Amino acid sequence: MRNRVFSGIGMNEYQESITRPHVELYTDGGCDPNPGPGGYGVVLVHPKKRAEASGGFRLTTNNRMEMCAAIKGLGMLKQPCQVTLYSDSQYLVDAMMKGWAAAWKRKNWWRTNQERAANADLWEQLLALCEKHRVELRWIRGHAGHRENERCDQLSTAALRQPNLPADEGYENKPKTDSGRPRVTEEGQPCWTCSTPVIKQKSRKRPNRDYYYEYYLWCPKCHATYEVESAKRFIEQPPSLL
């Protein structure tokens, strides 16, 4: 996997960035069952100290707890840092390192034309933290004997077994899903692919036997095209001789 480092700094601030302290974060989360009571654990390794944190919720999911662990760990940092974050969640690492989460945000949290991205509330927080720090996420295999990862697992398991856990509001009160993404029907609406406002283009397609489109909507950035019913023109057919 090609490394991707998240940073809120520009090239002119590179010199400042190399003086930032480097920390390692180990994170883990899970539920029993899934969905069900969940917990997360964090181990922070700093040149001058080591810290642990954990927490849990009464009803949540494995993926949300993996994300909460990363959010909690980054939130523990009191100043901008260079961070290597280790997680056994392929979901978390791939979504951040391959740019999926950032793309979902650009598309107003739509994954496809019919499906919204899950856990948008947590992705929003995580992306913001990765603007503050320089963060590289690395996947490690869970339950493979890595000391800090095993400790995170112990912390998360103990947390989910605590009594009177609070509600995960983002999960229990998540908004109802839409039936589908709004159709692109007018000039100026955002493109489904890249969110750039679409423009009208005169159609060059040859009419078929019954109708043609006088114009279509076109994205000047990614070149996606959208046919709209308001541009549909029917061809008057000659009367039948039979």
C-alpha atoms as a PDB file:
ATOM      1  CA  MET A   1       0.000   0.000   0.000  1.00  0.00           C
ATOM      2  CA  ARG A   2       1.330   3.396  -0.915  1.00  0.00           C
ATOM      3  CA  ASN A   3       1.796   5.552   2.154  1.00  0.00           C
ATOM      4  CA  ARG A   4      -0.504   8.532   2.508  1.00  0.00           C
ATOM      5  CA  VAL A   5       0.214  11.124   5.184  1.00  0.00           C
ATOM      6  CA  PHE A   6      -2.552  13.450   6.313  1.00  0.00           C
ATOM      7  CA  SER A   7      -1.457  16.972   7.062  1.00  0.00           C
ATOM      8  CA  GLY A   8      -2.961  20.376   7.487  1.00  0.00           C
ATOM      9  CA  ILE A   9       0.325  22.156   6.635  1.00  0.00           C
ATOM     10  CA  GLY A  10       1.757  23.496   3.388  1.00  0.00           C
ATOM     11  CA  MET A  11       5.214  23.167   1.901  1.00  0.00           C
ATOM     12  CA  ASN A  12       6.292  26.494   3.400  1.00  0.00           C
ATOM     13  CA  GLU A  13       5.793  25.032   6.845  1.00  0.00           C
ATOM     14  CA  TYR A  14       7.832  21.896   6.218  1.00  0.00           C
ATOM     15  CA  GLN A  15      10.686  23.054   8.420  1.00  0.00           C
ATOM     16  CA  GLU A  16       8.284  23.503  11.306  1.00  0.00           C
ATOM     17  CA  SER A  17       6.777  20.075  10.736  1.00  0.00           C
ATOM     18  CA  ILE A  18      10.049  18.207  11.182  1.00  0.00           C
ATOM     19  CA  THR A  19      10.387  19.647  14.688  1.00  0.00           C
ATOM     20  CA  ARG A  20       7.041  18.198  15.742  1.00  0.00           C
ATOM     21  CA  PRO A  21       7.289  15.397  18.288  1.00  0.00           C
ATOM     22  CA  HIS A  22       6.719  11.925  16.897  1.00  0.00           C
ATOM     23  CA  VAL A  23       4.281   9.703  18.743  1.00  0.00           C
ATOM     24  CA  GLU A  24       2.908   6.224  18.156  1.00  0.00           C
ATOM     25  CA  LEU A  25      -0.736   5.376  18.749  1.00  0.00           C
ATOM     26  CA  TYR A  26      -2.049   1.843  19.068  1.00  0.00           C
ATOM     27  CA  THR A  27      -5.826   1.531  18.856  1.00  0.00           C
ATOM     28  CA  ASP A  28      -8.456  -1.183  18.992  1.00  0.00           C
ATOM     29  CA  GLY A  29     -12.203  -1.447  19.390  1.00  0.00           C
ATOM     30  CA  GLY A  30     -14.971  -3.995  19.294  1.00  0.00           C
ATOM     31  CA  CYS A  31     -18.462  -5.094  20.327  1.00  0.00           C
ATOM     32  CA  ASP A  32     -19.926  -8.213  21.896  1.00  0.00           C
ATOM     33  CA  PRO A  33     -22.169  -8.968  20.043  1.00  0.00           C
ATOM     34  CA  ASN A  34     -21.966  -6.728  16.964  1.00  0.00           C
ATOM     35  CA  PRO A  35     -24.007  -4.499  17.155  1.00  0.00           C
ATOM     36  CA  GLY A  36     -24.080  -4.464  20.935  1.00  0.00           C
ATOM     37  CA  PRO A  37     -22.142  -3.119  23.907  1.00  0.00           C
ATOM     38  CA  GLY A  38     -18.834  -1.797  22.604  1.00  0.00           C
ATOM     39  CA  GLY A  39     -15.516  -0.530  23.851  1.00  0.00           C
ATOM     40  CA  TYR A  40     -12.275   0.975  22.604  1.00  0.00           C
ATOM     41  CA  GLY A  41      -8.719   1.089  23.887  1.00  0.00           C
ATOM     42  CA  VAL A  42      -5.751   3.330  23.138  1.00  0.00           C
ATOM     43  CA  VAL A  43      -2.057   3.172  23.973  1.00  0.00           C
ATOM     44  CA  LEU A  44      -0.011   6.311  23.310  1.00  0.00           C
ATOM     45  CA  VAL A  45       3.769   5.938  23.166  1.00  0.00           C
ATOM     46  CA  HIS A  46       5.685   9.231  23.448  1.00  0.00           C
ATOM     47  CA  PRO A  47       9.457   9.651  23.813  1.00  0.00           C
ATOM     48  CA  LYS A  48       8.891  10.887  27.370  1.00  0.00           C
ATOM     49  CA  LYS A  49       5.797   9.004  28.481  1.00  0.00           C
ATOM     50  CA  ARG A  50       3.285   6.250  27.837  1.00  0.00           C
ATOM     51  CA  ALA A  51      -0.474   6.714  28.332  1.00  0.00           C
ATOM     52  CA  GLU A  52      -3.590   4.599  28.064  1.00  0.00           C
ATOM     53  CA  ALA A  53      -7.258   5.438  27.533  1.00  0.00           C
ATOM     54  CA  SER A  54     -10.488   3.508  27.059  1.00  0.00           C
ATOM     55  CA  GLY A  55     -14.237   3.959  26.928  1.00  0.00           C
ATOM     56  CA  GLY A  56     -17.430   2.268  25.860  1.00  0.00           C
ATOM     57  CA  PHE A  57     -21.060   2.568  24.792  1.00  0.00           C
ATOM     58  CA  ARG A  58     -24.180   0.532  25.478  1.00  0.00           C
ATOM     59  CA  LEU A  59     -25.059  -0.052  21.812  1.00  0.00           C
ATOM     60  CA  THR A  60     -22.719   0.481  18.876  1.00  0.00           C
ATOM     61  CA  THR A  61     -20.699  -1.408  16.216  1.00  0.00           C
ATOM     62  CA  ASN A  62     -17.204  -2.809  15.773  1.00  0.00           C
ATOM     63  CA  ASN A  63     -16.343  -0.271  13.088  1.00  0.00           C
ATOM     64  CA  ARG A  64     -17.488   2.679  15.182  1.00  0.00           C
ATOM     65  CA  MET A  65     -15.365   1.517  18.115  1.00  0.00           C
ATOM     66  CA  GLU A  66     -12.287   1.189  15.889  1.00  0.00           C
ATOM     67  CA  MET A  67     -12.879   4.755  14.733  1.00  0.00           C
ATOM     68  CA  CYS A  68     -13.578   6.044  18.250  1.00  0.00           C
ATOM     69  CA  ALA A  69     -10.252   4.589  19.385  1.00  0.00           C
ATOM     70  CA  ALA A  70      -8.401   6.557  16.686  1.00  0.00           C
ATOM     71  CA  ILE A  71     -10.347   9.740  17.496  1.00  0.00           C
ATOM     72  CA  LYS A  72      -9.679   9.377  21.234  1.00  0.00           C
ATOM     73  CA  GLY A  73      -5.981   8.746  20.655  1.00  0.00           C
ATOM     74  CA  LEU A  74      -5.485  11.765  18.420  1.00  0.00           C
ATOM     75  CA  GLY A  75      -7.564  13.858  20.794  1.00  0.00           C
ATOM     76  CA  MET A  76      -5.111  13.073  23.604  1.00  0.00           C
ATOM     77  CA  LEU A  77      -2.363  15.033  21.849  1.00  0.00           C
ATOM     78  CA  LYS A  78      -1.940  18.547  23.240  1.00  0.00           C
ATOM     79  CA  GLN A  79       0.074  19.947  20.314  1.00  0.00           C
ATOM     80  CA  PRO A  80       0.478  19.187  16.595  1.00  0.00           C
ATOM     81  CA  CYS A  81       2.459  15.962  16.234  1.00  0.00           C
ATOM     82  CA  GLN A  82       3.765  13.510  13.691  1.00  0.00           C
ATOM     83  CA  VAL A  83       1.738  10.396  14.377  1.00  0.00           C
ATOM     84  CA  THR A  84       2.027   6.776  13.359  1.00  0.00           C
ATOM     85  CA  LEU A  85      -1.288   5.142  14.188  1.00  0.00           C
ATOM     86  CA  TYR A  86      -1.479   1.347  14.281  1.00  0.00           C
ATOM     87  CA  SER A  87      -4.845  -0.387  13.939  1.00  0.00           C
ATOM     88  CA  ASP A  88      -6.011  -3.912  13.122  1.00  0.00           C
ATOM     89  CA  SER A  89      -9.063  -2.465  11.337  1.00  0.00           C
ATOM     90  CA  GLN A  90      -8.675  -2.691   7.566  1.00  0.00           C
ATOM     91  CA  TYR A  91     -11.885  -0.645   7.293  1.00  0.00           C
ATOM     92  CA  LEU A  92     -10.332   2.271   9.162  1.00  0.00           C
ATOM     93  CA  VAL A  93      -6.888   2.151   7.580  1.00  0.00           C
ATOM     94  CA  ASP A  94      -8.079   1.743   3.983  1.00  0.00           C
ATOM     95  CA  ALA A  95     -10.769   4.430   4.232  1.00  0.00           C
ATOM     96  CA  MET A  96      -8.199   6.972   5.420  1.00  0.00           C
ATOM     97  CA  MET A  97      -5.057   5.949   3.550  1.00  0.00           C
ATOM     98  CA  LYS A  98      -6.778   5.322   0.221  1.00  0.00           C
ATOM     99  CA  GLY A  99      -8.720   8.575   0.414  1.00  0.00           C
ATOM    100  CA  TRP A 100     -12.175   7.014   0.578  1.00  0.00           C
ATOM    101  CA  ALA A 101     -13.348   9.010   3.609  1.00  0.00           C
ATOM    102  CA  ALA A 102     -12.184  12.305   2.107  1.00  0.00           C
ATOM    103  CA  ALA A 103     -14.027  11.452  -1.133  1.00  0.00           C
ATOM    104  CA  TRP A 104     -17.228  10.620   0.765  1.00  0.00           C
ATOM    105  CA  LYS A 105     -17.031  13.988   2.498  1.00  0.00           C
ATOM    106  CA  ARG A 106     -16.612  15.818  -0.833  1.00  0.00           C
ATOM    107  CA  LYS A 107     -19.748  14.041  -2.059  1.00  0.00           C
ATOM    108  CA  ASN A 108     -21.731  15.059   1.035  1.00  0.00           C
ATOM    109  CA  TRP A 109     -21.328  11.545   2.484  1.00  0.00           C
ATOM    110  CA  TRP A 110     -22.688   9.609  -0.476  1.00  0.00           C
ATOM    111  CA  ARG A 111     -20.765   6.434  -1.324  1.00  0.00           C
ATOM    112  CA  THR A 112     -22.839   5.717  -4.425  1.00  0.00           C
ATOM    113  CA  ASN A 113     -25.867   7.279  -6.075  1.00  0.00           C
ATOM    114  CA  GLN A 114     -28.116   5.203  -3.807  1.00  0.00           C
ATOM    115  CA  GLU A 115     -26.071   4.611  -0.645  1.00  0.00           C
ATOM    116  CA  ARG A 116     -24.752   6.968   2.019  1.00  0.00           C
ATOM    117  CA  ALA A 117     -21.447   6.397   3.788  1.00  0.00           C
ATOM    118  CA  ALA A 118     -21.876   4.886   7.243  1.00  0.00           C
ATOM    119  CA  ASN A 119     -20.472   6.621  10.323  1.00  0.00           C
ATOM    120  CA  ALA A 120     -20.201  10.062   8.726  1.00  0.00           C
ATOM    121  CA  ASP A 121     -20.223  11.713  12.155  1.00  0.00           C
ATOM    122  CA  LEU A 122     -17.017   9.909  13.145  1.00  0.00           C
ATOM    123  CA  TRP A 123     -15.299  10.311   9.766  1.00  0.00           C
ATOM    124  CA  GLU A 124     -15.900  14.060  10.080  1.00  0.00           C
ATOM    125  CA  GLN A 125     -14.103  14.148  13.444  1.00  0.00           C
ATOM    126  CA  LEU A 126     -11.265  11.930  12.276  1.00  0.00           C
ATOM    127  CA  LEU A 127     -10.590  13.948   9.123  1.00  0.00           C
ATOM    128  CA  ALA A 128     -10.485  17.147  11.184  1.00  0.00           C
ATOM    129  CA  LEU A 129      -7.915  15.651  13.573  1.00  0.00           C
ATOM    130  CA  CYS A 130      -5.809  14.527  10.624  1.00  0.00           C
ATOM    131  CA  GLU A 131      -5.728  18.131   9.429  1.00  0.00           C
ATOM    132  CA  LYS A 132      -4.219  19.159  12.772  1.00  0.00           C
ATOM    133  CA  HIS A 133      -1.573  16.427  12.894  1.00  0.00           C
ATOM    134  CA  ARG A 134       0.583  14.630  10.342  1.00  0.00           C
ATOM    135  CA  VAL A 135      -0.870  11.146  10.541  1.00  0.00           C
ATOM    136  CA  GLU A 136       0.081   7.875   8.899  1.00  0.00           C
ATOM    137  CA  LEU A 137      -2.166   4.880   9.567  1.00  0.00           C
ATOM    138  CA  ARG A 138      -0.676   1.400   9.437  1.00  0.00           C
ATOM    139  CA  TRP A 139      -2.501  -1.897   9.578  1.00  0.00           C
ATOM    140  CA  ILE A 140      -1.288  -4.619  11.940  1.00  0.00           C
ATOM    141  CA  ARG A 141      -2.756  -8.087  12.355  1.00  0.00           C
ATOM    142  CA  GLY A 142      -4.920  -8.427  15.443  1.00  0.00           C
ATOM    143  CA  HIS A 143      -4.349 -11.117  18.077  1.00  0.00           C
ATOM    144  CA  ALA A 144      -0.909 -11.801  16.651  1.00  0.00           C
ATOM    145  CA  GLY A 145       1.070 -11.220  19.833  1.00  0.00           C
ATOM    146  CA  HIS A 146       1.924  -7.547  19.386  1.00  0.00           C
ATOM    147  CA  ARG A 147       2.218  -6.219  22.946  1.00  0.00           C
ATOM    148  CA  GLU A 148       0.582  -2.831  22.505  1.00  0.00           C
ATOM    149  CA  ASN A 149      -2.174  -4.138  20.251  1.00  0.00           C
ATOM    150  CA  GLU A 150      -2.962  -6.864  22.761  1.00  0.00           C
ATOM    151  CA  ARG A 151      -3.117  -4.244  25.500  1.00  0.00           C
ATOM    152  CA  CYS A 152      -5.581  -2.191  23.458  1.00  0.00           C
ATOM    153  CA  ASP A 153      -7.737  -5.289  23.050  1.00  0.00           C
ATOM    154  CA  GLN A 154      -7.704  -5.826  26.827  1.00  0.00           C
ATOM    155  CA  LEU A 155      -8.695  -2.198  27.429  1.00  0.00           C
ATOM    156  CA  SER A 156     -11.547  -2.273  24.913  1.00  0.00           C
ATOM    157  CA  THR A 157     -12.893  -5.594  26.223  1.00  0.00           C
ATOM    158  CA  ALA A 158     -12.850  -4.359  29.819  1.00  0.00           C
ATOM    159  CA  ALA A 159     -14.572  -1.117  28.771  1.00  0.00           C
ATOM    160  CA  LEU A 160     -17.509  -2.790  27.012  1.00  0.00           C
ATOM    161  CA  ARG A 161     -18.179  -4.896  30.118  1.00  0.00           C
ATOM    162  CA  GLN A 162     -18.603  -1.883  32.387  1.00  0.00           C
ATOM    163  CA  PRO A 163     -22.114  -1.224  33.790  1.00  0.00           C
ATOM    164  CA  ASN A 164     -24.222   1.812  32.875  1.00  0.00           C
ATOM    165  CA  LEU A 165     -22.448   2.575  29.625  1.00  0.00           C
ATOM    166  CA  PRO A 166     -23.517   5.799  27.890  1.00  0.00           C
ATOM    167  CA  ALA A 167     -25.387   5.955  24.581  1.00  0.00           C
ATOM    168  CA  ASP A 168     -23.529   6.243  21.302  1.00  0.00           C
ATOM    169  CA  GLU A 169     -25.724   9.086  20.074  1.00  0.00           C
ATOM    170  CA  GLY A 170     -24.307   8.967  16.557  1.00  0.00           C
ATOM    171  CA  TYR A 171     -25.430   5.349  16.251  1.00  0.00           C
ATOM    172  CA  GLU A 172     -28.649   5.219  18.261  1.00  0.00           C
ATOM    173  CA  ASN A 173     -29.987   8.499  16.885  1.00  0.00           C
ATOM    174  CA  LYS A 174     -28.574   8.352  13.377  1.00  0.00           C
ATOM    175  CA  PRO A 175     -30.767  10.052  10.766  1.00  0.00           C
ATOM    176  CA  LYS A 176     -33.022   7.964   8.598  1.00  0.00           C
ATOM    177  CA  THR A 177     -31.411   7.019   5.322  1.00  0.00           C
ATOM    178  CA  ASP A 178     -32.644   8.680   2.147  1.00  0.00           C
ATOM    179  CA  SER A 179     -34.290   6.616  -0.538  1.00  0.00           C
ATOM    180  CA  GLY A 180     -31.630   7.728  -2.971  1.00  0.00           C
ATOM    181  CA  ARG A 181     -29.353  10.524  -3.979  1.00  0.00           C
ATOM    182  CA  PRO A 182     -31.113  13.576  -5.448  1.00  0.00           C
ATOM    183  CA  ARG A 183     -31.060  13.488  -9.229  1.00  0.00           C
ATOM    184  CA  VAL A 184     -29.001  16.002 -11.181  1.00  0.00           C
ATOM    185  CA  THR A 185     -31.657  17.862 -13.153  1.00  0.00           C
ATOM    186  CA  GLU A 186     -30.571  21.503 -13.357  1.00  0.00           C
ATOM    187  CA  GLU A 187     -27.520  23.534 -14.271  1.00  0.00           C
ATOM    188  CA  GLY A 188     -25.479  24.446 -11.186  1.00  0.00           C
ATOM    189  CA  GLN A 189     -26.256  21.313  -9.167  1.00  0.00           C
ATOM    190  CA  PRO A 190     -23.210  19.398  -7.832  1.00  0.00           C
ATOM    191  CA  CYS A 191     -21.818  16.521  -9.851  1.00  0.00           C
ATOM    192  CA  TRP A 192     -22.354  13.144  -8.192  1.00  0.00           C
ATOM    193  CA  THR A 193     -18.737  12.181  -8.743  1.00  0.00           C
ATOM    194  CA  CYS A 194     -16.745  15.273  -7.750  1.00  0.00           C
ATOM    195  CA  SER A 195     -19.315  17.856  -6.517  1.00  0.00           C
ATOM    196  CA  THR A 196     -18.369  20.420  -9.201  1.00  0.00           C
ATOM    197  CA  PRO A 197     -21.405  22.428 -10.439  1.00  0.00           C
ATOM    198  CA  VAL A 198     -22.631  21.007 -13.743  1.00  0.00           C
ATOM    199  CA  ILE A 199     -23.257  23.080 -16.856  1.00  0.00           C
ATOM    200  CA  LYS A 200     -25.458  22.723 -19.948  1.00  0.00           C
ATOM    201  CA  GLN A 201     -23.988  21.332 -23.154  1.00  0.00           C
ATOM    202  CA  LYS A 202     -25.744  21.053 -26.502  1.00  0.00           C
ATOM    203  CA  SER A 203     -26.215  17.436 -27.423  1.00  0.00           C
ATOM    204  CA  ARG A 204     -24.378  16.088 -30.448  1.00  0.00           C
ATOM    205  CA  LYS A 205     -25.984  12.673 -30.395  1.00  0.00           C
ATOM    206  CA  ARG A 206     -28.022  11.687 -33.399  1.00  0.00           C
ATOM    207  CA  PRO A 207     -31.747  11.365 -32.651  1.00  0.00           C
ATOM    208  CA  ASN A 208     -33.139   7.873 -32.395  1.00  0.00           C
ATOM    209  CA  ARG A 209     -36.459   6.937 -33.961  1.00  0.00           C
ATOM    210  CA  ASP A 210     -38.707   8.481 -31.285  1.00  0.00           C
ATOM    211  CA  TYR A 211     -36.878  11.257 -29.429  1.00  0.00           C
ATOM    212  CA  TYR A 212     -33.614  13.084 -28.775  1.00  0.00           C
ATOM    213  CA  TYR A 213     -32.070  15.260 -26.023  1.00  0.00           C
ATOM    214  CA  GLU A 214     -31.682  18.926 -26.907  1.00  0.00           C
ATOM    215  CA  TYR A 215     -28.974  19.322 -24.266  1.00  0.00           C
ATOM    216  CA  TYR A 216     -27.393  17.425 -21.393  1.00  0.00           C
ATOM    217  CA  LEU A 217     -25.722  18.436 -18.130  1.00  0.00           C
ATOM    218  CA  TRP A 218     -21.942  18.051 -18.042  1.00  0.00           C
ATOM    219  CA  CYS A 219     -19.296  18.277 -15.324  1.00  0.00           C
ATOM    220  CA  PRO A 220     -16.352  20.423 -16.499  1.00  0.00           C
ATOM    221  CA  LYS A 221     -14.006  18.738 -14.003  1.00  0.00           C
ATOM    222  CA  CYS A 222     -14.581  14.977 -14.272  1.00  0.00           C
ATOM    223  CA  HIS A 223     -16.611  15.046 -17.538  1.00  0.00           C
ATOM    224  CA  ALA A 224     -19.555  13.082 -16.113  1.00  0.00           C
ATOM    225  CA  THR A 225     -22.748  13.570 -18.151  1.00  0.00           C
ATOM    226  CA  TYR A 226     -26.397  13.571 -17.093  1.00  0.00           C
ATOM    227  CA  GLU A 227     -29.437  13.273 -19.341  1.00  0.00           C
ATOM    228  CA  VAL A 228     -32.491  15.136 -18.024  1.00  0.00           C
ATOM    229  CA  GLU A 229     -36.136  14.691 -18.896  1.00  0.00           C
ATOM    230  CA  SER A 230     -36.672  18.428 -19.391  1.00  0.00           C
ATOM    231  CA  ALA A 231     -34.310  18.298 -22.385  1.00  0.00           C
ATOM    232  CA  LYS A 232     -36.109  15.402 -24.031  1.00  0.00           C
ATOM    233  CA  ARG A 233     -37.728  16.229 -27.369  1.00  0.00           C
ATOM    234  CA  PHE A 234     -40.061  13.805 -29.144  1.00  0.00           C
ATOM    235  CA  ILE A 235     -40.035  13.417 -32.905  1.00  0.00           C
ATOM    236  CA  GLU A 236     -43.369  13.558 -34.605  1.00  0.00           C
ATOM    237  CA  GLN A 237     -43.900  10.374 -36.538  1.00  0.00           C
ATOM    238  CA  PRO A 238     -45.522  10.349 -39.994  1.00  0.00           C
ATOM    239  CA  PRO A 239     -48.948   8.671 -40.110  1.00  0.00           C
ATOM    240  CA  SER A 240     -48.892   4.991 -40.826  1.00  0.00           C
ATOM    241  CA  LEU A 241     -49.927   3.903 -44.313  1.00  0.00           C
ATOM    242  CA  LEU A 242     -51.348   0.669 -42.988  1.00  0.00           C
END
